[in-house]
């Protein structure tokens, strides 16, 4: 979960700073991504990297 949360936050904040979304959209985007995320208990590195990539892609879809 922390990986997906961080990735979604980074994409949402970047999109806000580049004027693609409003400030108030940041939390909505993060919540939407986290709600879709399927957490894994005790993930290995590959699962962490996959979660990061997935969350970034999902966040980018919501920012444009």
Protein backbone atom coordinates (compact mmCIF):
# COMPACT_ATOMS: atom_id res chain seq x y z
CA UNK A 1 0.00 0.00 0.00
CA UNK A 2 2.71 2.59 0.80
CA UNK A 3 4.24 2.15 -2.64
CA UNK A 4 0.96 2.79 -4.45
CA UNK A 5 0.16 5.72 -2.17
CA UNK A 6 3.54 7.34 -2.79
CA UNK A 7 3.40 6.81 -6.55
CA UNK A 8 -0.14 8.21 -6.82
CA UNK A 9 0.85 11.20 -4.71
CA UNK A 10 3.93 11.95 -6.83
CA UNK A 11 1.95 11.88 -10.08
CA UNK A 12 -0.94 13.92 -8.68
CA UNK A 13 1.33 16.59 -7.19
CA UNK A 14 3.37 16.80 -10.40
CA UNK A 15 0.15 17.21 -12.38
CA UNK A 16 -0.97 19.99 -10.06
CA UNK A 17 2.38 21.77 -10.32
CA UNK A 18 2.18 21.63 -14.11
CA UNK A 19 -1.38 23.00 -14.03
CA UNK A 20 -3.04 19.83 -15.37
CA UNK A 21 -5.29 19.38 -12.33
CA UNK A 22 -6.61 21.49 -9.47
CA UNK A 23 -5.15 21.25 -5.97
CA UNK A 24 -8.40 19.73 -4.75
CA UNK A 25 -8.04 16.90 -7.29
CA UNK A 26 -4.92 15.53 -5.60
CA UNK A 27 -6.70 13.72 -2.78
CA UNK A 28 -9.43 12.43 -5.12
CA UNK A 29 -6.84 10.89 -7.44
CA UNK A 30 -4.91 9.29 -4.60
CA UNK A 31 -8.10 7.86 -3.07
CA UNK A 32 -9.26 6.45 -6.40
CA UNK A 33 -5.93 4.71 -7.00
CA UNK A 34 -5.73 3.34 -3.45
CA UNK A 35 -9.31 2.05 -3.66
CA UNK A 36 -8.39 0.11 -6.84
CA UNK A 37 -5.11 -1.19 -5.40
CA UNK A 38 -4.90 -4.84 -4.35
CA UNK A 39 -2.38 -4.87 -1.49
CA UNK A 40 0.09 -7.74 -1.10
CA UNK A 41 1.29 -8.88 2.31
CA UNK A 42 5.07 -8.98 2.60
CA UNK A 43 5.76 -8.08 -1.06
CA UNK A 44 9.07 -8.84 -2.74
CA UNK A 45 10.97 -6.24 -4.78
CA UNK A 46 9.30 -7.22 -8.06
CA UNK A 47 5.84 -6.81 -6.53
CA UNK A 48 6.81 -3.43 -5.10
CA UNK A 49 8.11 -2.19 -8.44
CA UNK A 50 4.99 -3.49 -10.20
CA UNK A 51 2.74 -1.72 -7.68
CA UNK A 52 4.66 1.52 -8.23
CA UNK A 53 4.36 1.28 -12.01
CA UNK A 54 0.68 0.34 -11.84
CA UNK A 55 -0.18 3.22 -9.49
CA UNK A 56 1.68 5.73 -11.65
CA UNK A 57 -0.20 4.60 -14.76
CA UNK A 58 -3.55 4.69 -12.98
CA UNK A 59 -2.83 8.16 -11.60
CA UNK A 60 -1.76 9.48 -14.99
CA UNK A 61 -5.06 8.28 -16.50
CA UNK A 62 -6.94 10.33 -13.90
CA UNK A 63 -4.83 13.47 -14.38
CA UNK A 64 -5.55 14.04 -18.08
